[in-house]
Amino acid sequence: MATITSDLLDNFRLELRRGCLVWAVLAQLRSECHGYALAKTLAESGLEIDENTLYPLLRRLESQKPLVSQWRVEDKRNKRFYRLSEEGQSVLEWLLVEWRNINGAIEKLLAVPLAAGRRQA
């Protein structure tokens, strides 16, 4: 059996997480919150995200229209609060359908026995 390095597994994990982070951020921003609170909530849910990843992602999603933001003072500090736009709600609903379709397809693939002549890993 081939040796799988932790670097390789980390790279696969990173690729998988990249696709899920957009969906997770949109799902969490159904309720308005600021970036730090969002990062904390994601981390508590098992999806830690670095600030250098989160804030560019929030700006990109806002420029693409799924998010809207507003500056407000909270605890005597200016904070930018983000929430899902109407367009973002539609995007989230579409992504949920796609997620379920992809997950269903993978479950079907995993349930099918390996073809004759192929070795199991």
Protein backbone atom coordinates (compact mmCIF):
# COMPACT_ATOMS: atom_id res chain seq x y z
CA MET A 1 0.00 0.00 0.00
CA ALA A 2 1.31 3.45 -0.88
CA THR A 3 2.28 5.81 1.90
CA ILE A 4 0.05 8.85 2.15
CA THR A 5 1.81 11.87 3.57
CA SER A 6 0.15 14.27 5.96
CA ASP A 7 0.99 17.08 3.48
CA LEU A 8 -1.04 15.35 0.80
CA LEU A 9 -3.97 14.84 3.15
CA ASP A 10 -3.72 18.48 4.28
CA ASN A 11 -3.87 19.58 0.63
CA PHE A 12 -6.96 17.44 -0.03
CA ARG A 13 -8.58 18.80 3.14
CA LEU A 14 -7.82 22.37 2.05
CA GLU A 15 -9.41 21.81 -1.36
CA LEU A 16 -12.52 20.36 0.23
CA ARG A 17 -12.77 23.21 2.76
CA ARG A 18 -12.43 25.91 0.09
CA GLY A 19 -15.60 24.73 -1.57
CA CYS A 20 -17.46 24.48 1.71
CA LEU A 21 -16.46 27.82 3.23
CA VAL A 22 -18.53 29.94 0.84
CA TRP A 23 -21.57 27.83 1.57
CA ALA A 24 -20.93 27.94 5.34
CA VAL A 25 -20.47 31.73 5.35
CA LEU A 26 -23.67 32.27 3.38
CA ALA A 27 -25.58 29.90 5.65
CA GLN A 28 -24.36 31.64 8.79
CA LEU A 29 -25.10 35.11 7.44
CA ARG A 30 -28.82 34.43 7.28
CA SER A 31 -28.50 36.33 10.56
CA GLU A 32 -26.48 39.53 10.56
CA CYS A 33 -23.11 39.56 12.30
CA HIS A 34 -19.66 41.14 12.08
CA GLY A 35 -16.55 39.36 10.84
CA TYR A 36 -15.05 38.41 14.20
CA ALA A 37 -18.34 36.92 15.44
CA LEU A 38 -18.70 35.05 12.15
CA ALA A 39 -15.19 33.58 12.43
CA LYS A 40 -15.88 32.57 16.04
CA THR A 41 -19.18 30.89 15.18
CA LEU A 42 -17.63 29.02 12.25
CA ALA A 43 -14.76 27.86 14.46
CA GLU A 44 -17.18 26.68 17.16
CA SER A 45 -18.94 24.67 14.45
CA GLY A 46 -15.67 23.03 13.40
CA LEU A 47 -14.82 25.29 10.44
CA GLU A 48 -11.94 27.46 11.56
CA ILE A 49 -11.13 30.21 9.10
CA ASP A 50 -8.18 32.58 9.17
CA GLU A 51 -8.85 36.33 9.00
CA ASN A 52 -6.70 36.50 5.86
CA THR A 53 -9.18 34.13 4.23
CA LEU A 54 -12.43 35.38 5.77
CA TYR A 55 -12.27 39.10 5.06
CA PRO A 56 -11.30 38.80 1.37
CA LEU A 57 -14.08 36.21 1.02
CA LEU A 58 -16.61 38.59 2.61
CA ARG A 59 -15.53 41.44 0.31
CA ARG A 60 -15.74 39.17 -2.75
CA LEU A 61 -19.21 37.90 -1.81
CA GLU A 62 -20.37 41.46 -1.23
CA SER A 63 -19.06 42.57 -4.63
CA GLN A 64 -20.81 39.58 -6.24
CA LYS A 65 -24.06 40.63 -4.47
CA PRO A 66 -24.95 37.65 -2.22
CA LEU A 67 -23.97 39.76 0.82
CA VAL A 68 -24.67 43.28 1.95
CA SER A 69 -22.90 45.09 4.75
CA GLN A 70 -23.30 48.12 6.93
CA TRP A 71 -20.90 49.94 9.24
CA ARG A 72 -22.20 50.50 12.76
CA VAL A 73 -20.79 51.40 16.14
CA GLU A 74 -20.90 48.61 18.70
CA ASP A 75 -19.11 48.75 22.03
CA LYS A 76 -17.70 52.15 20.99
CA ARG A 77 -16.04 50.60 17.93
CA ASN A 78 -16.89 50.76 14.24
CA LYS A 79 -17.78 47.30 13.01
CA ARG A 80 -18.93 46.09 9.62
CA PHE A 81 -22.00 43.89 9.85
CA TYR A 82 -22.74 41.44 7.05
CA ARG A 83 -25.94 39.66 6.11
CA LEU A 84 -27.39 37.70 3.24
CA SER A 85 -29.06 39.77 0.53
CA GLU A 86 -32.23 38.61 -1.25
CA GLU A 87 -29.98 37.46 -4.07
CA GLY A 88 -27.81 35.71 -1.52
CA GLN A 89 -30.80 33.82 -0.16
CA SER A 90 -31.47 32.50 -3.66
CA VAL A 91 -27.80 31.57 -4.08
CA LEU A 92 -27.84 29.74 -0.73
CA GLU A 93 -30.98 27.81 -1.68
CA TRP A 94 -29.41 26.84 -5.03
CA LEU A 95 -26.17 25.77 -3.32
CA LEU A 96 -28.14 23.65 -0.87
CA VAL A 97 -29.81 21.79 -3.75
CA GLU A 98 -26.44 21.34 -5.47
CA TRP A 99 -24.84 20.15 -2.21
CA ARG A 100 -27.55 17.56 -1.73
CA ASN A 101 -27.22 16.39 -5.35
CA ILE A 102 -23.44 16.06 -5.10
CA ASN A 103 -23.65 14.36 -1.72
CA GLY A 104 -26.27 11.94 -3.06
CA ALA A 105 -24.12 11.12 -6.08
CA ILE A 106 -21.09 10.44 -3.88
CA GLU A 107 -23.17 8.26 -1.55
CA LYS A 108 -24.33 6.24 -4.58
CA LEU A 109 -20.75 5.84 -5.78
CA LEU A 110 -19.60 4.69 -2.35
CA ALA A 111 -22.46 2.20 -2.07
CA VAL A 112 -21.61 0.45 -5.36
CA PRO A 113 -19.22 -2.48 -4.90
CA LEU A 114 -15.92 -2.24 -6.74
CA ALA A 115 -16.02 -3.66 -10.26
CA ALA A 116 -14.63 -7.16 -10.72
CA GLY A 117 -10.89 -7.14 -11.26
CA ARG A 118 -10.36 -3.88 -9.36
CA ARG A 119 -8.60 -4.05 -6.05
CA GLN A 120 -10.06 -2.40 -3.00
CA ALA A 121 -7.83 0.30 -1.47
